[in-house]
Structures are given as C-alpha cells and as structure tokens.
Amino acid sequence: MIAVIAKLNVAKGKEAEFEEVMLSLATQVRAKEPGNDLYTLCKDDDGNYVVMELYKDDEALAAHGQSEHFKASGAAFRGLMAGAPEITRMEVVG
C-alpha cells in the first residue's frame, strides 16, 4: 500500500474557495478510483492544509494522476494556490 501526504500552499483569502474545489475533487476520487482507500483534506490550527491519501499499489497511484477528474481539477485550482504542493510518498508498513 502507498501513502501520500500532500502539503498544499493555499493563497491567503482563498481558503473557502479552495475547500470547495478540493472537497469536490475528493468526492470524485472516492467515487471513481477503486484503487484509492483514502483521500481526505485536513487543516491544522494554523490554517495549513494537507491531503492524506492511500492507494492499493503503484498502479492505483499512477491511475489517480492520469484520471480525467484529477486533470480537469487543475483549472479549478487556478488562482487559489500560492505555490506548488509538497508531496511525500511512503510505503505503508503495517
């Protein structure tokens, strides 16, 4: 199993719009990607966002990046981000 943590750099004042777009994408990922076990938006007390993701294997992770809904979401995020995400990929141990 593959775990991914994506730290997202959201533009100041765009948080509500970002959450709407991100939650819509999360709904599509859960509904359309059988190899995905978790795709959840989280926010800490300082307003920093991460997406926690779990995939059955490398093929499922690759399918996520090539999915139409993921590709199409890029336009919806335009103007909402203040920089590229920091992606950490890990192997699930237990």
PDB file of N, CA and C in Angstrom:
ATOM      1  N   MET A   1       0.855  -1.174   0.000  1.00  0.00           N
ATOM      2  CA  MET A   1       0.000   0.000   0.000  1.00  0.00           C
ATOM      3  C   MET A   1       0.903   1.241   0.000  1.00  0.00           C
ATOM      4  N   ILE A   2       0.453   2.278  -0.713  1.00  0.00           N
ATOM      5  CA  ILE A   2       1.205   3.516  -0.847  1.00  0.00           C
ATOM      6  C   ILE A   2       0.455   4.639  -0.124  1.00  0.00           C
ATOM      7  N   ALA A   3       1.180   5.385   0.715  1.00  0.00           N
ATOM      8  CA  ALA A   3       0.617   6.559   1.386  1.00  0.00           C
ATOM      9  C   ALA A   3       1.228   7.812   0.776  1.00  0.00           C
ATOM     10  N   VAL A   4       0.412   8.835   0.646  1.00  0.00           N
ATOM     11  CA  VAL A   4       0.876  10.122   0.145  1.00  0.00           C
ATOM     12  C   VAL A   4       0.352  11.204   1.076  1.00  0.00           C
ATOM     13  N   ILE A   5       1.234  12.132   1.430  1.00  0.00           N
ATOM     14  CA  ILE A   5       0.839  13.338   2.153  1.00  0.00           C
ATOM     15  C   ILE A   5       1.168  14.506   1.234  1.00  0.00           C
ATOM     16  N   ALA A   6       0.162  15.287   0.886  1.00  0.00           N
ATOM     17  CA  ALA A   6       0.356  16.454   0.029  1.00  0.00           C
ATOM     18  C   ALA A   6       0.102  17.710   0.852  1.00  0.00           C
ATOM     19  N   LYS A   7       1.172  18.458   1.136  1.00  0.00           N
ATOM     20  CA  LYS A   7       1.033  19.743   1.828  1.00  0.00           C
ATOM     21  C   LYS A   7       0.691  20.788   0.781  1.00  0.00           C
ATOM     22  N   LEU A   8      -0.410  21.501   0.994  1.00  0.00           N
ATOM     23  CA  LEU A   8      -0.924  22.438  -0.008  1.00  0.00           C
ATOM     24  C   LEU A   8      -0.753  23.875   0.444  1.00  0.00           C
ATOM     25  N   ASN A   9      -0.255  24.693  -0.440  1.00  0.00           N
ATOM     26  CA  ASN A   9       0.021  26.101  -0.175  1.00  0.00           C
ATOM     27  C   ASN A   9      -1.118  26.935  -0.763  1.00  0.00           C
ATOM     28  N   VAL A  10      -2.103  27.249   0.054  1.00  0.00           N
ATOM     29  CA  VAL A  10      -3.312  27.957  -0.390  1.00  0.00           C
ATOM     30  C   VAL A  10      -3.102  29.464  -0.258  1.00  0.00           C
ATOM     31  N   ALA A  11      -3.531  30.204  -1.273  1.00  0.00           N
ATOM     32  CA  ALA A  11      -3.408  31.664  -1.270  1.00  0.00           C
ATOM     33  C   ALA A  11      -4.269  32.267  -0.163  1.00  0.00           C
ATOM     34  N   LYS A  12      -3.735  33.279   0.511  1.00  0.00           N
ATOM     35  CA  LYS A  12      -4.477  33.979   1.572  1.00  0.00           C
ATOM     36  C   LYS A  12      -5.790  34.528   1.019  1.00  0.00           C
ATOM     37  N   GLY A  13      -6.841  34.338   1.781  1.00  0.00           N
ATOM     38  CA  GLY A  13      -8.154  34.828   1.390  1.00  0.00           C
ATOM     39  C   GLY A  13      -8.905  33.921   0.436  1.00  0.00           C
ATOM     40  N   LYS A  14      -8.277  32.826   0.011  1.00  0.00           N
ATOM     41  CA  LYS A  14      -8.900  31.902  -0.949  1.00  0.00           C
ATOM     42  C   LYS A  14      -9.279  30.566  -0.307  1.00  0.00           C
ATOM     43  N   GLU A  15      -9.204  30.501   1.007  1.00  0.00           N
ATOM     44  CA  GLU A  15      -9.409  29.233   1.705  1.00  0.00           C
ATOM     45  C   GLU A  15     -10.783  28.609   1.438  1.00  0.00           C
ATOM     46  N   ALA A  16     -11.832  29.387   1.516  1.00  0.00           N
ATOM     47  CA  ALA A  16     -13.186  28.838   1.323  1.00  0.00           C
ATOM     48  C   ALA A  16     -13.356  28.309  -0.097  1.00  0.00           C
ATOM     49  N   GLU A  17     -12.876  29.054  -1.080  1.00  0.00           N
ATOM     50  CA  GLU A  17     -12.960  28.597  -2.480  1.00  0.00           C
ATOM     51  C   GLU A  17     -12.132  27.334  -2.675  1.00  0.00           C
ATOM     52  N   PHE A  18     -10.932  27.323  -2.095  1.00  0.00           N
ATOM     53  CA  PHE A  18     -10.069  26.151  -2.188  1.00  0.00           C
ATOM     54  C   PHE A  18     -10.767  24.928  -1.608  1.00  0.00           C
ATOM     55  N   GLU A  19     -11.341  25.061  -0.412  1.00  0.00           N
ATOM     56  CA  GLU A  19     -12.005  23.927   0.228  1.00  0.00           C
ATOM     57  C   GLU A  19     -13.129  23.384  -0.645  1.00  0.00           C
ATOM     58  N   GLU A  20     -13.888  24.260  -1.264  1.00  0.00           N
ATOM     59  CA  GLU A  20     -14.986  23.820  -2.125  1.00  0.00           C
ATOM     60  C   GLU A  20     -14.460  22.980  -3.298  1.00  0.00           C
ATOM     61  N   VAL A  21     -13.420  23.471  -3.957  1.00  0.00           N
ATOM     62  CA  VAL A  21     -12.842  22.756  -5.097  1.00  0.00           C
ATOM     63  C   VAL A  21     -12.209  21.441  -4.636  1.00  0.00           C
ATOM     64  N   MET A  22     -11.462  21.484  -3.542  1.00  0.00           N
ATOM     65  CA  MET A  22     -10.766  20.291  -3.058  1.00  0.00           C
ATOM     66  C   MET A  22     -11.745  19.219  -2.603  1.00  0.00           C
ATOM     67  N   LEU A  23     -12.802  19.616  -1.912  1.00  0.00           N
ATOM     68  CA  LEU A  23     -13.792  18.641  -1.457  1.00  0.00           C
ATOM     69  C   LEU A  23     -14.535  18.011  -2.629  1.00  0.00           C
ATOM     70  N   SER A  24     -14.764  18.780  -3.684  1.00  0.00           N
ATOM     71  CA  SER A  24     -15.376  18.224  -4.888  1.00  0.00           C
ATOM     72  C   SER A  24     -14.457  17.185  -5.527  1.00  0.00           C
ATOM     73  N   LEU A  25     -13.169  17.506  -5.612  1.00  0.00           N
ATOM     74  CA  LEU A  25     -12.210  16.547  -6.163  1.00  0.00           C
ATOM     75  C   LEU A  25     -12.165  15.289  -5.295  1.00  0.00           C
ATOM     76  N   ALA A  26     -12.140  15.443  -3.978  1.00  0.00           N
ATOM     77  CA  ALA A  26     -12.091  14.294  -3.081  1.00  0.00           C
ATOM     78  C   ALA A  26     -13.296  13.371  -3.291  1.00  0.00           C
ATOM     79  N   THR A  27     -14.462  13.946  -3.487  1.00  0.00           N
ATOM     80  CA  THR A  27     -15.669  13.151  -3.739  1.00  0.00           C
ATOM     81  C   THR A  27     -15.510  12.333  -5.014  1.00  0.00           C
ATOM     82  N   GLN A  28     -14.955  12.954  -6.055  1.00  0.00           N
ATOM     83  CA  GLN A  28     -14.755  12.246  -7.316  1.00  0.00           C
ATOM     84  C   GLN A  28     -13.706  11.139  -7.186  1.00  0.00           C
ATOM     85  N   VAL A  29     -12.629  11.421  -6.471  1.00  0.00           N
ATOM     86  CA  VAL A  29     -11.592  10.407  -6.278  1.00  0.00           C
ATOM     87  C   VAL A  29     -12.189   9.192  -5.583  1.00  0.00           C
ATOM     88  N   ARG A  30     -12.938   9.419  -4.515  1.00  0.00           N
ATOM     89  CA  ARG A  30     -13.529   8.301  -3.770  1.00  0.00           C
ATOM     90  C   ARG A  30     -14.504   7.500  -4.627  1.00  0.00           C
ATOM     91  N   ALA A  31     -15.261   8.183  -5.476  1.00  0.00           N
ATOM     92  CA  ALA A  31     -16.288   7.517  -6.279  1.00  0.00           C
ATOM     93  C   ALA A  31     -15.721   6.808  -7.507  1.00  0.00           C
ATOM     94  N   LYS A  32     -14.641   7.333  -8.068  1.00  0.00           N
ATOM     95  CA  LYS A  32     -14.183   6.853  -9.374  1.00  0.00           C
ATOM     96  C   LYS A  32     -12.858   6.102  -9.369  1.00  0.00           C
ATOM     97  N   GLU A  33     -12.204   5.994  -8.216  1.00  0.00           N
ATOM     98  CA  GLU A  33     -10.901   5.342  -8.162  1.00  0.00           C
ATOM     99  C   GLU A  33     -10.933   4.155  -7.198  1.00  0.00           C
ATOM    100  N   PRO A  34     -11.205   2.969  -7.710  1.00  0.00           N
ATOM    101  CA  PRO A  34     -11.298   1.802  -6.829  1.00  0.00           C
ATOM    102  C   PRO A  34      -9.984   1.469  -6.121  1.00  0.00           C
ATOM    103  N   GLY A  35      -8.856   1.923  -6.640  1.00  0.00           N
ATOM    104  CA  GLY A  35      -7.571   1.662  -6.005  1.00  0.00           C
ATOM    105  C   GLY A  35      -7.205   2.650  -4.914  1.00  0.00           C
ATOM    106  N   ASN A  36      -8.078   3.621  -4.672  1.00  0.00           N
ATOM    107  CA  ASN A  36      -7.841   4.618  -3.624  1.00  0.00           C
ATOM    108  C   ASN A  36      -8.639   4.233  -2.384  1.00  0.00           C
ATOM    109  N   ASP A  37      -7.954   4.189  -1.241  1.00  0.00           N
ATOM    110  CA  ASP A  37      -8.615   3.851   0.019  1.00  0.00           C
ATOM    111  C   ASP A  37      -8.860   5.060   0.911  1.00  0.00           C
ATOM    112  N   LEU A  38      -8.170   6.166   0.653  1.00  0.00           N
ATOM    113  CA  LEU A  38      -8.332   7.371   1.472  1.00  0.00           C
ATOM    114  C   LEU A  38      -7.898   8.581   0.664  1.00  0.00           C
ATOM    115  N   TYR A  39      -8.706   9.613   0.681  1.00  0.00           N
ATOM    116  CA  TYR A  39      -8.368  10.890   0.039  1.00  0.00           C
ATOM    117  C   TYR A  39      -9.108  11.952   0.843  1.00  0.00           C
ATOM    118  N   THR A  40      -8.418  12.503   1.847  1.00  0.00           N
ATOM    119  CA  THR A  40      -9.079  13.354   2.828  1.00  0.00           C
ATOM    120  C   THR A  40      -8.327  14.657   3.032  1.00  0.00           C
ATOM    121  N   LEU A  41      -9.055  15.762   2.961  1.00  0.00           N
ATOM    122  CA  LEU A  41      -8.497  17.088   3.213  1.00  0.00           C
ATOM    123  C   LEU A  41      -8.498  17.348   4.710  1.00  0.00           C
ATOM    124  N   CYS A  42      -7.356  17.823   5.223  1.00  0.00           N
ATOM    125  CA  CYS A  42      -7.212  18.150   6.639  1.00  0.00           C
ATOM    126  C   CYS A  42      -6.626  19.552   6.769  1.00  0.00           C
ATOM    127  N   LYS A  43      -6.940  20.213   7.894  1.00  0.00           N
ATOM    128  CA  LYS A  43      -6.423  21.556   8.162  1.00  0.00           C
ATOM    129  C   LYS A  43      -6.013  21.630   9.618  1.00  0.00           C
ATOM    130  N   ASP A  44      -4.808  22.186   9.881  1.00  0.00           N
ATOM    131  CA  ASP A  44      -4.358  22.313  11.263  1.00  0.00           C
ATOM    132  C   ASP A  44      -4.836  23.637  11.865  1.00  0.00           C
ATOM    133  N   ASP A  45      -4.498  23.879  13.127  1.00  0.00           N
ATOM    134  CA  ASP A  45      -4.950  25.072  13.839  1.00  0.00           C
ATOM    135  C   ASP A  45      -4.412  26.370  13.247  1.00  0.00           C
ATOM    136  N   ASP A  46      -3.319  26.278  12.477  1.00  0.00           N
ATOM    137  CA  ASP A  46      -2.736  27.463  11.844  1.00  0.00           C
ATOM    138  C   ASP A  46      -3.287  27.710  10.445  1.00  0.00           C
ATOM    139  N   GLY A  47      -4.216  26.862  10.000  1.00  0.00           N
ATOM    140  CA  GLY A  47      -4.814  27.027   8.678  1.00  0.00           C
ATOM    141  C   GLY A  47      -4.035  26.383   7.546  1.00  0.00           C
ATOM    142  N   ASN A  48      -3.081  25.514   7.879  1.00  0.00           N
ATOM    143  CA  ASN A  48      -2.310  24.803   6.856  1.00  0.00           C
ATOM    144  C   ASN A  48      -3.064  23.558   6.418  1.00  0.00           C
ATOM    145  N   TYR A  49      -3.068  23.292   5.118  1.00  0.00           N
ATOM    146  CA  TYR A  49      -3.812  22.170   4.562  1.00  0.00           C
ATOM    147  C   TYR A  49      -2.896  21.029   4.135  1.00  0.00           C
ATOM    148  N   VAL A  50      -3.373  19.812   4.330  1.00  0.00           N
ATOM    149  CA  VAL A  50      -2.757  18.622   3.757  1.00  0.00           C
ATOM    150  C   VAL A  50      -3.865  17.715   3.246  1.00  0.00           C
ATOM    151  N   VAL A  51      -3.509  16.918   2.257  1.00  0.00           N
ATOM    152  CA  VAL A  51      -4.382  15.833   1.812  1.00  0.00           C
ATOM    153  C   VAL A  51      -3.679  14.540   2.171  1.00  0.00           C
ATOM    154  N   MET A  52      -4.387  13.679   2.899  1.00  0.00           N
ATOM    155  CA  MET A  52      -3.886  12.347   3.227  1.00  0.00           C
ATOM    156  C   MET A  52      -4.488  11.378   2.222  1.00  0.00           C
ATOM    157  N   GLU A  53      -3.600  10.566   1.619  1.00  0.00           N
ATOM    158  CA  GLU A  53      -4.021   9.662   0.551  1.00  0.00           C
ATOM    159  C   GLU A  53      -3.473   8.263   0.789  1.00  0.00           C
ATOM    160  N   LEU A  54      -4.267   7.251   0.461  1.00  0.00           N
ATOM    161  CA  LEU A  54      -3.818   5.857   0.497  1.00  0.00           C
ATOM    162  C   LEU A  54      -4.239   5.168  -0.799  1.00  0.00           C
ATOM    163  N   TYR A  55      -3.291   4.459  -1.403  1.00  0.00           N
ATOM    164  CA  TYR A  55      -3.543   3.731  -2.646  1.00  0.00           C
ATOM    165  C   TYR A  55      -3.132   2.278  -2.473  1.00  0.00           C
ATOM    166  N   LYS A  56      -3.854   1.380  -3.119  1.00  0.00           N
ATOM    167  CA  LYS A  56      -3.582  -0.044  -3.003  1.00  0.00           C
ATOM    168  C   LYS A  56      -2.184  -0.405  -3.505  1.00  0.00           C
ATOM    169  N   ASP A  57      -1.718   0.287  -4.567  1.00  0.00           N
ATOM    170  CA  ASP A  57      -0.416  -0.029  -5.149  1.00  0.00           C
ATOM    171  C   ASP A  57       0.025   1.108  -6.073  1.00  0.00           C
ATOM    172  N   ASP A  58       1.194   0.933  -6.683  1.00  0.00           N
ATOM    173  CA  ASP A  58       1.735   1.956  -7.574  1.00  0.00           C
ATOM    174  C   ASP A  58       0.823   2.223  -8.769  1.00  0.00           C
ATOM    175  N   GLU A  59       0.177   1.175  -9.263  1.00  0.00           N
ATOM    176  CA  GLU A  59      -0.723   1.330 -10.405  1.00  0.00           C
ATOM    177  C   GLU A  59      -1.913   2.231 -10.044  1.00  0.00           C
ATOM    178  N   ALA A  60      -2.443   2.072  -8.845  1.00  0.00           N
ATOM    179  CA  ALA A  60      -3.569   2.901  -8.400  1.00  0.00           C
ATOM    180  C   ALA A  60      -3.144   4.358  -8.243  1.00  0.00           C
ATOM    181  N   LEU A  61      -1.934   4.579  -7.746  1.00  0.00           N
ATOM    182  CA  LEU A  61      -1.426   5.944  -7.619  1.00  0.00           C
ATOM    183  C   LEU A  61      -1.225   6.567  -9.001  1.00  0.00           C
ATOM    184  N   ALA A  62      -0.680   5.804  -9.930  1.00  0.00           N
ATOM    185  CA  ALA A  62      -0.494   6.305 -11.294  1.00  0.00           C
ATOM    186  C   ALA A  62      -1.842   6.606 -11.943  1.00  0.00           C
ATOM    187  N   ALA A  63      -2.838   5.747 -11.722  1.00  0.00           N
ATOM    188  CA  ALA A  63      -4.176   5.963 -12.281  1.00  0.00           C
ATOM    189  C   ALA A  63      -4.788   7.250 -11.744  1.00  0.00           C
ATOM    190  N   HIS A  64      -4.522   7.560 -10.482  1.00  0.00           N
ATOM    191  CA  HIS A  64      -5.032   8.803  -9.899  1.00  0.00           C
ATOM    192  C   HIS A  64      -4.514  10.009 -10.683  1.00  0.00           C
ATOM    193  N   GLY A  65      -3.210  10.044 -10.923  1.00  0.00           N
ATOM    194  CA  GLY A  65      -2.608  11.168 -11.630  1.00  0.00           C
ATOM    195  C   GLY A  65      -3.046  11.291 -13.074  1.00  0.00           C
ATOM    196  N   GLN A  66      -3.485  10.188 -13.659  1.00  0.00           N
ATOM    197  CA  GLN A  66      -3.923  10.196 -15.061  1.00  0.00           C
ATOM    198  C   GLN A  66      -5.438  10.301 -15.217  1.00  0.00           C
ATOM    199  N   SER A  67      -6.169  10.327 -14.115  1.00  0.00           N
ATOM    200  CA  SER A  67      -7.633  10.356 -14.195  1.00  0.00           C
ATOM    201  C   SER A  67      -8.132  11.684 -14.763  1.00  0.00           C
ATOM    202  N   GLU A  68      -9.225  11.611 -15.468  1.00  0.00           N
ATOM    203  CA  GLU A  68      -9.804  12.808 -16.077  1.00  0.00           C
ATOM    204  C   GLU A  68     -10.218  13.838 -15.028  1.00  0.00           C
ATOM    205  N   HIS A  69     -10.801  13.376 -13.923  1.00  0.00           N
ATOM    206  CA  HIS A  69     -11.249  14.319 -12.892  1.00  0.00           C
ATOM    207  C   HIS A  69     -10.063  15.025 -12.237  1.00  0.00           C
ATOM    208  N   PHE A  70      -8.941  14.318 -12.064  1.00  0.00           N
ATOM    209  CA  PHE A  70      -7.762  14.957 -11.477  1.00  0.00           C
ATOM    210  C   PHE A  70      -7.179  15.988 -12.453  1.00  0.00           C
ATOM    211  N   LYS A  71      -7.046  15.601 -13.706  1.00  0.00           N
ATOM    212  CA  LYS A  71      -6.520  16.528 -14.714  1.00  0.00           C
ATOM    213  C   LYS A  71      -7.414  17.760 -14.845  1.00  0.00           C
ATOM    214  N   ALA A  72      -8.728  17.558 -14.861  1.00  0.00           N
ATOM    215  CA  ALA A  72      -9.677  18.662 -15.027  1.00  0.00           C
ATOM    216  C   ALA A  72      -9.679  19.600 -13.825  1.00  0.00           C
ATOM    217  N   SER A  73      -9.297  19.109 -12.662  1.00  0.00           N
ATOM    218  CA  SER A  73      -9.336  19.950 -11.461  1.00  0.00           C
ATOM    219  C   SER A  73      -8.294  21.067 -11.498  1.00  0.00           C
ATOM    220  N   GLY A  74      -7.267  20.918 -12.310  1.00  0.00           N
ATOM    221  CA  GLY A  74      -6.217  21.933 -12.387  1.00  0.00           C
ATOM    222  C   GLY A  74      -6.750  23.319 -12.667  1.00  0.00           C
ATOM    223  N   ALA A  75      -7.673  23.424 -13.596  1.00  0.00           N
ATOM    224  CA  ALA A  75      -8.252  24.722 -13.942  1.00  0.00           C
ATOM    225  C   ALA A  75      -9.022  25.316 -12.770  1.00  0.00           C
ATOM    226  N   ALA A  76      -9.695  24.459 -11.995  1.00  0.00           N
ATOM    227  CA  ALA A  76     -10.489  24.948 -10.858  1.00  0.00           C
ATOM    228  C   ALA A  76      -9.602  25.494  -9.740  1.00  0.00           C
ATOM    229  N   PHE A  77      -8.367  24.992  -9.640  1.00  0.00           N
ATOM    230  CA  PHE A  77      -7.442  25.461  -8.604  1.00  0.00           C
ATOM    231  C   PHE A  77      -6.694  26.726  -9.004  1.00  0.00           C
ATOM    232  N   ARG A  78      -6.786  27.114 -10.259  1.00  0.00           N
ATOM    233  CA  ARG A  78      -6.061  28.293 -10.743  1.00  0.00           C
ATOM    234  C   ARG A  78      -6.474  29.528  -9.938  1.00  0.00           C
ATOM    235  N   GLY A  79      -5.489  30.232  -9.412  1.00  0.00           N
ATOM    236  CA  GLY A  79      -5.740  31.431  -8.622  1.00  0.00           C
ATOM    237  C   GLY A  79      -5.977  31.169  -7.143  1.00  0.00           C
ATOM    238  N   LEU A  80      -6.069  29.889  -6.768  1.00  0.00           N
ATOM    239  CA  LEU A  80      -6.317  29.540  -5.368  1.00  0.00           C
ATOM    240  C   LEU A  80      -5.052  29.120  -4.639  1.00  0.00           C
ATOM    241  N   MET A  81      -4.014  28.811  -5.389  1.00  0.00           N
ATOM    242  CA  MET A  81      -2.794  28.288  -4.795  1.00  0.00           C
ATOM    243  C   MET A  81      -1.700  29.360  -4.794  1.00  0.00           C
ATOM    244  N   ALA A  82      -0.855  29.312  -3.743  1.00  0.00           N
ATOM    245  CA  ALA A  82       0.244  30.269  -3.610  1.00  0.00           C
ATOM    246  C   ALA A  82       1.588  29.603  -3.892  1.00  0.00           C
ATOM    247  N   GLY A  83       1.563  28.414  -4.420  1.00  0.00           N
ATOM    248  CA  GLY A  83       2.781  27.692  -4.738  1.00  0.00           C
ATOM    249  C   GLY A  83       2.491  26.228  -4.947  1.00  0.00           C
ATOM    250  N   ALA A  84       3.517  25.518  -5.383  1.00  0.00           N
ATOM    251  CA  ALA A  84       3.380  24.087  -5.651  1.00  0.00           C
ATOM    252  C   ALA A  84       3.212  23.302  -4.357  1.00  0.00           C
ATOM    253  N   PRO A  85       2.518  22.169  -4.418  1.00  0.00           N
ATOM    254  CA  PRO A  85       2.381  21.329  -3.227  1.00  0.00           C
ATOM    255  C   PRO A  85       3.699  20.618  -2.907  1.00  0.00           C
ATOM    256  N   GLU A  86       3.857  20.248  -1.644  1.00  0.00           N
ATOM    257  CA  GLU A  86       4.976  19.391  -1.223  1.00  0.00           C
ATOM    258  C   GLU A  86       4.416  17.993  -1.079  1.00  0.00           C
ATOM    259  N   ILE A  87       4.921  17.066  -1.894  1.00  0.00           N
ATOM    260  CA  ILE A  87       4.403  15.709  -1.904  1.00  0.00           C
ATOM    261  C   ILE A  87       5.396  14.766  -1.231  1.00  0.00           C
ATOM    262  N   THR A  88       4.902  13.980  -0.276  1.00  0.00           N
ATOM    263  CA  THR A  88       5.702  12.956   0.362  1.00  0.00           C
ATOM    264  C   THR A  88       5.038  11.613   0.091  1.00  0.00           C
ATOM    265  N   ARG A  89       5.788  10.693  -0.523  1.00  0.00           N
ATOM    266  CA  ARG A  89       5.296   9.345  -0.836  1.00  0.00           C
ATOM    267  C   ARG A  89       5.949   8.378   0.134  1.00  0.00           C
ATOM    268  N   MET A  90       5.140   7.461   0.677  1.00  0.00           N
ATOM    269  CA  MET A  90       5.650   6.499   1.662  1.00  0.00           C
ATOM    270  C   MET A  90       5.049   5.121   1.412  1.00  0.00           C
ATOM    271  N   GLU A  91       5.757   4.090   1.854  1.00  0.00           N
ATOM    272  CA  GLU A  91       5.226   2.732   1.856  1.00  0.00           C
ATOM    273  C   GLU A  91       4.545   2.518   3.208  1.00  0.00           C
ATOM    274  N   VAL A  92       3.352   1.950   3.182  1.00  0.00           N
ATOM    275  CA  VAL A  92       2.656   1.619   4.430  1.00  0.00           C
ATOM    276  C   VAL A  92       3.313   0.362   5.005  1.00  0.00           C
ATOM    277  N   VAL A  93       3.674   0.429   6.265  1.00  0.00           N
ATOM    278  CA  VAL A  93       4.406  -0.658   6.922  1.00  0.00           C
ATOM    279  C   VAL A  93       3.462  -1.650   7.592  1.00  0.00           C
ATOM    280  N   GLY A  94       2.397  -1.171   8.179  1.00  0.00           N
ATOM    281  CA  GLY A  94       1.525  -2.076   8.928  1.00  0.00           C
ATOM    282  C   GLY A  94       0.095  -2.022   8.502  1.00  0.00           C
TER     283      GLY A  94
END
